[in-house]
């Protein structure tokens, strides 16, 4: 029951502090997390956050599963998610 994010560079202390601050705001904000299904043709880059070089892969039903954390962004994802960011707990 863990998540991780892989970066291809070192992160300086100031940036780590900024990331921690924002993560804490998202958790304490109890932001709604919505789930949507799109056909690949419906997806537009400006509405999605994806890692550089990351492809968008459709599921068996031909649709792409997208989660949208209200106020934080939307991205393709294939795992289960809680309905609100506050359920995650401290990061």
PDB file of N, CA and C in Angstrom:
ATOM      1  N   UNK A   1       0.827  -1.191   0.000  1.00  0.00           N
ATOM      2  CA  UNK A   1       0.000   0.000   0.000  1.00  0.00           C
ATOM      3  C   UNK A   1       0.869   1.252   0.000  1.00  0.00           C
ATOM      4  N   UNK A   2       1.636   1.413  -1.021  1.00  0.00           N
ATOM      5  CA  UNK A   2       2.504   2.583  -1.108  1.00  0.00           C
ATOM      6  C   UNK A   2       2.509   3.105  -2.531  1.00  0.00           C
ATOM      7  N   UNK A   3       2.834   4.350  -2.649  1.00  0.00           N
ATOM      8  CA  UNK A   3       2.974   4.975  -3.963  1.00  0.00           C
ATOM      9  C   UNK A   3       4.352   5.589  -4.050  1.00  0.00           C
ATOM     10  N   UNK A   4       4.800   5.793  -5.259  1.00  0.00           N
ATOM     11  CA  UNK A   4       6.085   6.443  -5.435  1.00  0.00           C
ATOM     12  C   UNK A   4       6.063   7.243  -6.719  1.00  0.00           C
ATOM     13  N   UNK A   5       7.027   8.134  -6.809  1.00  0.00           N
ATOM     14  CA  UNK A   5       7.200   8.925  -8.015  1.00  0.00           C
ATOM     15  C   UNK A   5       8.678   8.894  -8.341  1.00  0.00           C
ATOM     16  N   UNK A   6       8.992   8.578  -9.562  1.00  0.00           N
ATOM     17  CA  UNK A   6      10.385   8.467  -9.964  1.00  0.00           C
ATOM     18  C   UNK A   6      10.807   9.716 -10.730  1.00  0.00           C
ATOM     19  N   UNK A   7      11.901  10.312 -10.290  1.00  0.00           N
ATOM     20  CA  UNK A   7      12.466  11.470 -10.975  1.00  0.00           C
ATOM     21  C   UNK A   7      13.832  11.091 -11.511  1.00  0.00           C
ATOM     22  N   UNK A   8      14.198  11.679 -12.609  1.00  0.00           N
ATOM     23  CA  UNK A   8      15.500  11.396 -13.210  1.00  0.00           C
ATOM     24  C   UNK A   8      16.541  12.435 -12.824  1.00  0.00           C
ATOM     25  N   UNK A   9      16.376  13.036 -11.643  1.00  0.00           N
ATOM     26  CA  UNK A   9      17.329  14.037 -11.173  1.00  0.00           C
ATOM     27  C   UNK A   9      17.196  14.177  -9.666  1.00  0.00           C
ATOM     28  N   UNK A  10      18.191  14.806  -9.065  1.00  0.00           N
ATOM     29  CA  UNK A  10      18.125  15.115  -7.644  1.00  0.00           C
ATOM     30  C   UNK A  10      17.197  16.306  -7.435  1.00  0.00           C
ATOM     31  N   UNK A  11      16.504  16.313  -6.322  1.00  0.00           N
ATOM     32  CA  UNK A  11      15.603  17.414  -5.996  1.00  0.00           C
ATOM     33  C   UNK A  11      16.216  18.184  -4.830  1.00  0.00           C
ATOM     34  N   UNK A  12      16.412  19.488  -5.030  1.00  0.00           N
ATOM     35  CA  UNK A  12      17.023  20.269  -3.949  1.00  0.00           C
ATOM     36  C   UNK A  12      16.035  20.468  -2.801  1.00  0.00           C
ATOM     37  N   UNK A  13      16.551  20.835  -1.651  1.00  0.00           N
ATOM     38  CA  UNK A  13      15.759  20.942  -0.426  1.00  0.00           C
ATOM     39  C   UNK A  13      14.588  21.910  -0.578  1.00  0.00           C
ATOM     40  N   UNK A  14      14.816  23.050  -1.234  1.00  0.00           N
ATOM     41  CA  UNK A  14      13.742  24.024  -1.414  1.00  0.00           C
ATOM     42  C   UNK A  14      12.576  23.454  -2.195  1.00  0.00           C
ATOM     43  N   UNK A  15      12.881  22.698  -3.243  1.00  0.00           N
ATOM     44  CA  UNK A  15      11.823  22.084  -4.039  1.00  0.00           C
ATOM     45  C   UNK A  15      11.126  20.982  -3.247  1.00  0.00           C
ATOM     46  N   UNK A  16      11.880  20.208  -2.484  1.00  0.00           N
ATOM     47  CA  UNK A  16      11.268  19.172  -1.637  1.00  0.00           C
ATOM     48  C   UNK A  16      10.281  19.801  -0.661  1.00  0.00           C
ATOM     49  N   UNK A  17      10.677  20.912  -0.052  1.00  0.00           N
ATOM     50  CA  UNK A  17       9.792  21.595   0.893  1.00  0.00           C
ATOM     51  C   UNK A  17       8.527  22.094   0.200  1.00  0.00           C
ATOM     52  N   UNK A  18       8.671  22.621  -1.015  1.00  0.00           N
ATOM     53  CA  UNK A  18       7.511  23.109  -1.770  1.00  0.00           C
ATOM     54  C   UNK A  18       6.576  21.958  -2.141  1.00  0.00           C
ATOM     55  N   UNK A  19       7.146  20.819  -2.527  1.00  0.00           N
ATOM     56  CA  UNK A  19       6.337  19.638  -2.862  1.00  0.00           C
ATOM     57  C   UNK A  19       5.598  19.154  -1.620  1.00  0.00           C
ATOM     58  N   UNK A  20       6.295  19.088  -0.486  1.00  0.00           N
ATOM     59  CA  UNK A  20       5.667  18.652   0.766  1.00  0.00           C
ATOM     60  C   UNK A  20       4.534  19.594   1.163  1.00  0.00           C
ATOM     61  N   UNK A  21       4.769  20.895   1.045  1.00  0.00           N
ATOM     62  CA  UNK A  21       3.751  21.886   1.382  1.00  0.00           C
ATOM     63  C   UNK A  21       2.497  21.683   0.535  1.00  0.00           C
ATOM     64  N   UNK A  22       2.680  21.507  -0.787  1.00  0.00           N
ATOM     65  CA  UNK A  22       1.530  21.337  -1.673  1.00  0.00           C
ATOM     66  C   UNK A  22       0.820  20.017  -1.410  1.00  0.00           C
ATOM     67  N   UNK A  23       1.565  18.946  -1.179  1.00  0.00           N
ATOM     68  CA  UNK A  23       0.948  17.647  -0.876  1.00  0.00           C
ATOM     69  C   UNK A  23       0.096  17.746   0.385  1.00  0.00           C
ATOM     70  N   UNK A  24       0.605  18.424   1.394  1.00  0.00           N
ATOM     71  CA  UNK A  24      -0.151  18.605   2.642  1.00  0.00           C
ATOM     72  C   UNK A  24      -1.418  19.413   2.392  1.00  0.00           C
ATOM     73  N   UNK A  25      -1.328  20.453   1.569  1.00  0.00           N
ATOM     74  CA  UNK A  25      -2.525  21.248   1.224  1.00  0.00           C
ATOM     75  C   UNK A  25      -3.573  20.386   0.525  1.00  0.00           C
ATOM     76  N   UNK A  26      -3.130  19.545  -0.420  1.00  0.00           N
ATOM     77  CA  UNK A  26      -4.076  18.675  -1.124  1.00  0.00           C
ATOM     78  C   UNK A  26      -4.760  17.714  -0.158  1.00  0.00           C
ATOM     79  N   UNK A  27      -3.998  17.115   0.751  1.00  0.00           N
ATOM     80  CA  UNK A  27      -4.577  16.167   1.711  1.00  0.00           C
ATOM     81  C   UNK A  27      -5.554  16.884   2.636  1.00  0.00           C
ATOM     82  N   UNK A  28      -5.131  17.989   3.224  1.00  0.00           N
ATOM     83  CA  UNK A  28      -5.992  18.718   4.160  1.00  0.00           C
ATOM     84  C   UNK A  28      -7.195  19.338   3.457  1.00  0.00           C
ATOM     85  N   UNK A  29      -7.076  19.607   2.167  1.00  0.00           N
ATOM     86  CA  UNK A  29      -8.174  20.191   1.410  1.00  0.00           C
ATOM     87  C   UNK A  29      -9.305  19.224   1.120  1.00  0.00           C
ATOM     88  N   UNK A  30      -9.085  17.946   1.351  1.00  0.00           N
ATOM     89  CA  UNK A  30     -10.100  16.914   1.098  1.00  0.00           C
ATOM     90  C   UNK A  30     -10.731  17.087  -0.288  1.00  0.00           C
ATOM     91  N   UNK A  31      -9.869  17.192  -1.303  1.00  0.00           N
ATOM     92  CA  UNK A  31     -10.332  17.416  -2.671  1.00  0.00           C
ATOM     93  C   UNK A  31     -11.032  16.173  -3.216  1.00  0.00           C
ATOM     94  N   UNK A  32     -12.152  16.349  -3.905  1.00  0.00           N
ATOM     95  CA  UNK A  32     -12.824  15.207  -4.526  1.00  0.00           C
ATOM     96  C   UNK A  32     -11.962  14.604  -5.638  1.00  0.00           C
ATOM     97  N   UNK A  33     -11.992  13.287  -5.747  1.00  0.00           N
ATOM     98  CA  UNK A  33     -11.278  12.576  -6.810  1.00  0.00           C
ATOM     99  C   UNK A  33     -12.328  11.895  -7.677  1.00  0.00           C
ATOM    100  N   UNK A  34     -12.418  12.322  -8.926  1.00  0.00           N
ATOM    101  CA  UNK A  34     -13.420  11.799  -9.857  1.00  0.00           C
ATOM    102  C   UNK A  34     -12.775  10.853 -10.857  1.00  0.00           C
ATOM    103  N   UNK A  35     -13.517   9.859 -11.267  1.00  0.00           N
ATOM    104  CA  UNK A  35     -13.051   8.859 -12.225  1.00  0.00           C
ATOM    105  C   UNK A  35     -13.838   9.004 -13.523  1.00  0.00           C
ATOM    106  N   UNK A  36     -13.115   9.032 -14.643  1.00  0.00           N
ATOM    107  CA  UNK A  36     -13.741   9.144 -15.960  1.00  0.00           C
ATOM    108  C   UNK A  36     -13.126   8.124 -16.904  1.00  0.00           C
ATOM    109  N   UNK A  37     -13.870   7.760 -17.924  1.00  0.00           N
ATOM    110  CA  UNK A  37     -13.380   6.881 -18.994  1.00  0.00           C
ATOM    111  C   UNK A  37     -13.504   7.632 -20.307  1.00  0.00           C
ATOM    112  N   UNK A  38     -12.430   7.652 -21.095  1.00  0.00           N
ATOM    113  CA  UNK A  38     -12.420   8.340 -22.387  1.00  0.00           C
ATOM    114  C   UNK A  38     -11.896   7.403 -23.462  1.00  0.00           C
ATOM    115  N   UNK A  39     -12.376   7.596 -24.687  1.00  0.00           N
ATOM    116  CA  UNK A  39     -11.729   6.917 -25.807  1.00  0.00           C
ATOM    117  C   UNK A  39     -10.442   7.689 -26.078  1.00  0.00           C
ATOM    118  N   UNK A  40      -9.403   7.034 -26.608  1.00  0.00           N
ATOM    119  CA  UNK A  40      -8.141   7.745 -26.859  1.00  0.00           C
ATOM    120  C   UNK A  40      -8.325   9.011 -27.695  1.00  0.00           C
ATOM    121  N   UNK A  41      -9.268   9.006 -28.631  1.00  0.00           N
ATOM    122  CA  UNK A  41      -9.503  10.177 -29.471  1.00  0.00           C
ATOM    123  C   UNK A  41     -10.092  11.362 -28.723  1.00  0.00           C
ATOM    124  N   UNK A  42     -10.724  11.109 -27.577  1.00  0.00           N
ATOM    125  CA  UNK A  42     -11.322  12.190 -26.792  1.00  0.00           C
ATOM    126  C   UNK A  42     -10.300  12.946 -25.946  1.00  0.00           C
ATOM    127  N   UNK A  43      -9.149  12.349 -25.732  1.00  0.00           N
ATOM    128  CA  UNK A  43      -8.161  12.948 -24.831  1.00  0.00           C
ATOM    129  C   UNK A  43      -7.397  14.065 -25.509  1.00  0.00           C
ATOM    130  N   UNK A  44      -7.207  15.122 -24.782  1.00  0.00           N
ATOM    131  CA  UNK A  44      -6.423  16.252 -25.269  1.00  0.00           C
ATOM    132  C   UNK A  44      -5.345  16.526 -24.244  1.00  0.00           C
ATOM    133  N   UNK A  45      -4.126  16.726 -24.694  1.00  0.00           N
ATOM    134  CA  UNK A  45      -2.994  16.953 -23.798  1.00  0.00           C
ATOM    135  C   UNK A  45      -3.233  18.053 -22.765  1.00  0.00           C
ATOM    136  N   UNK A  46      -3.838  19.199 -23.122  1.00  0.00           N
ATOM    137  CA  UNK A  46      -3.964  20.247 -22.110  1.00  0.00           C
ATOM    138  C   UNK A  46      -4.761  19.832 -20.868  1.00  0.00           C
ATOM    139  N   UNK A  47      -5.630  18.835 -20.971  1.00  0.00           N
ATOM    140  CA  UNK A  47      -6.421  18.458 -19.800  1.00  0.00           C
ATOM    141  C   UNK A  47      -5.760  17.363 -18.979  1.00  0.00           C
ATOM    142  N   UNK A  48      -4.685  16.776 -19.488  1.00  0.00           N
ATOM    143  CA  UNK A  48      -4.027  15.682 -18.780  1.00  0.00           C
ATOM    144  C   UNK A  48      -2.614  16.042 -18.369  1.00  0.00           C
ATOM    145  N   UNK A  49      -2.195  15.466 -17.249  1.00  0.00           N
ATOM    146  CA  UNK A  49      -0.811  15.576 -16.808  1.00  0.00           C
ATOM    147  C   UNK A  49      -0.179  14.215 -17.042  1.00  0.00           C
ATOM    148  N   UNK A  50       0.858  14.156 -17.854  1.00  0.00           N
ATOM    149  CA  UNK A  50       1.557  12.892 -18.087  1.00  0.00           C
ATOM    150  C   UNK A  50       3.055  13.124 -17.983  1.00  0.00           C
ATOM    151  N   UNK A  51       3.758  12.080 -17.605  1.00  0.00           N
ATOM    152  CA  UNK A  51       5.210  12.166 -17.527  1.00  0.00           C
ATOM    153  C   UNK A  51       5.779  12.248 -18.940  1.00  0.00           C
ATOM    154  N   UNK A  52       6.911  12.923 -19.080  1.00  0.00           N
ATOM    155  CA  UNK A  52       7.563  13.050 -20.380  1.00  0.00           C
ATOM    156  C   UNK A  52       7.831  11.657 -20.945  1.00  0.00           C
ATOM    157  N   UNK A  53       7.381  11.406 -22.152  1.00  0.00           N
ATOM    158  CA  UNK A  53       7.596  10.125 -22.799  1.00  0.00           C
ATOM    159  C   UNK A  53       6.616   9.037 -22.395  1.00  0.00           C
ATOM    160  N   UNK A  54       5.691   9.351 -21.497  1.00  0.00           N
ATOM    161  CA  UNK A  54       4.719   8.351 -21.041  1.00  0.00           C
ATOM    162  C   UNK A  54       3.594   8.226 -22.056  1.00  0.00           C
ATOM    163  N   UNK A  55       3.364   7.031 -22.510  1.00  0.00           N
ATOM    164  CA  UNK A  55       2.274   6.805 -23.437  1.00  0.00           C
ATOM    165  C   UNK A  55       0.950   6.665 -22.711  1.00  0.00           C
ATOM    166  N   UNK A  56      -0.133   6.894 -23.402  1.00  0.00           N
ATOM    167  CA  UNK A  56      -1.469   6.695 -22.839  1.00  0.00           C
ATOM    168  C   UNK A  56      -2.005   5.399 -23.422  1.00  0.00           C
ATOM    169  N   UNK A  57      -2.279   4.435 -22.557  1.00  0.00           N
ATOM    170  CA  UNK A  57      -2.666   3.095 -22.987  1.00  0.00           C
ATOM    171  C   UNK A  57      -4.131   2.846 -22.653  1.00  0.00           C
ATOM    172  N   UNK A  58      -4.882   2.379 -23.638  1.00  0.00           N
ATOM    173  CA  UNK A  58      -6.287   2.059 -23.422  1.00  0.00           C
ATOM    174  C   UNK A  58      -6.422   0.709 -22.729  1.00  0.00           C
ATOM    175  N   UNK A  59      -7.473   0.569 -21.938  1.00  0.00           N
ATOM    176  CA  UNK A  59      -7.768  -0.690 -21.248  1.00  0.00           C
ATOM    177  C   UNK A  59      -8.420  -1.671 -22.213  1.00  0.00           C
ATOM    178  N   UNK A  60      -8.791  -2.815 -21.694  1.00  0.00           N
ATOM    179  CA  UNK A  60      -9.411  -3.865 -22.510  1.00  0.00           C
ATOM    180  C   UNK A  60     -10.650  -3.349 -23.235  1.00  0.00           C
ATOM    181  N   UNK A  61     -11.417  -2.468 -22.577  1.00  0.00           N
ATOM    182  CA  UNK A  61     -12.642  -1.949 -23.192  1.00  0.00           C
ATOM    183  C   UNK A  61     -12.368  -0.857 -24.228  1.00  0.00           C
ATOM    184  N   UNK A  62     -11.085  -0.581 -24.514  1.00  0.00           N
ATOM    185  CA  UNK A  62     -10.722   0.432 -25.495  1.00  0.00           C
ATOM    186  C   UNK A  62     -10.736   1.847 -24.951  1.00  0.00           C
ATOM    187  N   UNK A  63     -11.061   1.996 -23.683  1.00  0.00           N
ATOM    188  CA  UNK A  63     -11.129   3.318 -23.059  1.00  0.00           C
ATOM    189  C   UNK A  63      -9.917   3.547 -22.165  1.00  0.00           C
ATOM    190  N   UNK A  64      -9.640   4.812 -21.902  1.00  0.00           N
ATOM    191  CA  UNK A  64      -8.552   5.211 -21.016  1.00  0.00           C
ATOM    192  C   UNK A  64      -9.175   5.686 -19.704  1.00  0.00           C
ATOM    193  N   UNK A  65      -8.676   5.157 -18.599  1.00  0.00           N
ATOM    194  CA  UNK A  65      -9.178   5.521 -17.273  1.00  0.00           C
ATOM    195  C   UNK A  65      -8.416   6.760 -16.806  1.00  0.00           C
ATOM    196  N   UNK A  66      -9.164   7.804 -16.452  1.00  0.00           N
ATOM    197  CA  UNK A  66      -8.563   9.067 -16.038  1.00  0.00           C
ATOM    198  C   UNK A  66      -9.127   9.461 -14.681  1.00  0.00           C
ATOM    199  N   UNK A  67      -8.232   9.834 -13.750  1.00  0.00           N
ATOM    200  CA  UNK A  67      -8.711  10.404 -12.498  1.00  0.00           C
ATOM    201  C   UNK A  67      -8.485  11.903 -12.544  1.00  0.00           C
ATOM    202  N   UNK A  68      -9.414  12.625 -11.944  1.00  0.00           N
ATOM    203  CA  UNK A  68      -9.332  14.082 -11.875  1.00  0.00           C
ATOM    204  C   UNK A  68      -9.434  14.484 -10.411  1.00  0.00           C
ATOM    205  N   UNK A  69      -8.334  14.996  -9.873  1.00  0.00           N
ATOM    206  CA  UNK A  69      -8.348  15.528  -8.515  1.00  0.00           C
ATOM    207  C   UNK A  69      -8.728  16.995  -8.660  1.00  0.00           C
ATOM    208  N   UNK A  70      -9.943  17.332  -8.241  1.00  0.00           N
ATOM    209  CA  UNK A  70     -10.462  18.681  -8.462  1.00  0.00           C
ATOM    210  C   UNK A  70      -9.512  19.730  -7.901  1.00  0.00           C
ATOM    211  N   UNK A  71      -9.076  20.627  -8.774  1.00  0.00           N
ATOM    212  CA  UNK A  71      -8.174  21.690  -8.378  1.00  0.00           C
ATOM    213  C   UNK A  71      -6.704  21.321  -8.441  1.00  0.00           C
ATOM    214  N   UNK A  72      -6.405  20.055  -8.748  1.00  0.00           N
ATOM    215  CA  UNK A  72      -5.006  19.621  -8.774  1.00  0.00           C
ATOM    216  C   UNK A  72      -4.583  19.082 -10.133  1.00  0.00           C
ATOM    217  N   UNK A  73      -5.507  18.575 -10.932  1.00  0.00           N
ATOM    218  CA  UNK A  73      -5.157  18.064 -12.248  1.00  0.00           C
ATOM    219  C   UNK A  73      -5.712  16.680 -12.505  1.00  0.00           C
ATOM    220  N   UNK A  74      -5.632  16.274 -13.753  1.00  0.00           N
ATOM    221  CA  UNK A  74      -6.144  14.977 -14.192  1.00  0.00           C
ATOM    222  C   UNK A  74      -5.035  14.215 -14.893  1.00  0.00           C
ATOM    223  N   UNK A  75      -5.032  12.898 -14.716  1.00  0.00           N
ATOM    224  CA  UNK A  75      -4.034  12.079 -15.406  1.00  0.00           C
ATOM    225  C   UNK A  75      -4.543  10.660 -15.570  1.00  0.00           C
ATOM    226  N   UNK A  76      -4.031   9.954 -16.590  1.00  0.00           N
ATOM    227  CA  UNK A  76      -4.419   8.565 -16.790  1.00  0.00           C
ATOM    228  C   UNK A  76      -3.899   7.724 -15.625  1.00  0.00           C
ATOM    229  N   UNK A  77      -4.673   6.749 -15.208  1.00  0.00           N
ATOM    230  CA  UNK A  77      -4.238   5.908 -14.097  1.00  0.00           C
ATOM    231  C   UNK A  77      -4.985   4.584 -14.148  1.00  0.00           C
ATOM    232  N   UNK A  78      -4.310   3.518 -13.790  1.00  0.00           N
ATOM    233  CA  UNK A  78      -4.913   2.195 -13.843  1.00  0.00           C
ATOM    234  C   UNK A  78      -5.111   1.542 -12.496  1.00  0.00           C
ATOM    235  N   UNK A  79      -4.992   2.284 -11.433  1.00  0.00           N
ATOM    236  CA  UNK A  79      -5.133   1.716 -10.087  1.00  0.00           C
ATOM    237  C   UNK A  79      -6.376   2.258  -9.399  1.00  0.00           C
ATOM    238  N   UNK A  80      -6.672   1.708  -8.231  1.00  0.00           N
ATOM    239  CA  UNK A  80      -7.829   2.184  -7.476  1.00  0.00           C
ATOM    240  C   UNK A  80      -7.489   3.492  -6.765  1.00  0.00           C
ATOM    241  N   UNK A  81      -8.513   4.266  -6.456  1.00  0.00           N
ATOM    242  CA  UNK A  81      -8.319   5.561  -5.817  1.00  0.00           C
ATOM    243  C   UNK A  81      -9.384   5.796  -4.771  1.00  0.00           C
ATOM    244  N   UNK A  82      -9.022   6.575  -3.762  1.00  0.00           N
ATOM    245  CA  UNK A  82      -9.968   6.977  -2.730  1.00  0.00           C
ATOM    246  C   UNK A  82     -10.838   8.103  -3.285  1.00  0.00           C
ATOM    247  N   UNK A  83     -12.020   8.339  -2.701  1.00  0.00           N
ATOM    248  CA  UNK A  83     -12.897   9.386  -3.232  1.00  0.00           C
ATOM    249  C   UNK A  83     -12.483  10.813  -2.867  1.00  0.00           C
ATOM    250  N   UNK A  84     -11.665  10.973  -1.814  1.00  0.00           N
ATOM    251  CA  UNK A  84     -11.210  12.298  -1.377  1.00  0.00           C
ATOM    252  C   UNK A  84      -9.744  12.228  -0.973  1.00  0.00           C
ATOM    253  N   UNK A  85      -9.010  13.313  -1.189  1.00  0.00           N
ATOM    254  CA  UNK A  85      -7.586  13.324  -0.856  1.00  0.00           C
ATOM    255  C   UNK A  85      -7.322  13.175   0.639  1.00  0.00           C
ATOM    256  N   UNK A  86      -8.253  13.582   1.487  1.00  0.00           N
ATOM    257  CA  UNK A  86      -8.029  13.510   2.936  1.00  0.00           C
ATOM    258  C   UNK A  86      -7.909  12.076   3.441  1.00  0.00           C
ATOM    259  N   UNK A  87      -8.457  11.126   2.718  1.00  0.00           N
ATOM    260  CA  UNK A  87      -8.406   9.720   3.124  1.00  0.00           C
ATOM    261  C   UNK A  87      -6.982   9.177   3.040  1.00  0.00           C
ATOM    262  N   UNK A  88      -6.150   9.795   2.222  1.00  0.00           N
ATOM    263  CA  UNK A  88      -4.763   9.356   2.058  1.00  0.00           C
ATOM    264  C   UNK A  88      -3.994   9.485   3.368  1.00  0.00           C
ATOM    265  N   UNK A  89      -4.231  10.543   4.116  1.00  0.00           N
ATOM    266  CA  UNK A  89      -3.483  10.793   5.346  1.00  0.00           C
ATOM    267  C   UNK A  89      -2.208  11.554   5.052  1.00  0.00           C
ATOM    268  N   UNK A  90      -1.418  11.765   6.080  1.00  0.00           N
ATOM    269  CA  UNK A  90      -0.193  12.547   5.931  1.00  0.00           C
ATOM    270  C   UNK A  90       0.761  11.913   4.926  1.00  0.00           C
ATOM    271  N   UNK A  91       1.405  12.747   4.140  1.00  0.00           N
ATOM    272  CA  UNK A  91       2.364  12.296   3.136  1.00  0.00           C
ATOM    273  C   UNK A  91       3.762  12.562   3.646  1.00  0.00           C
TER     274      UNK A  91
END
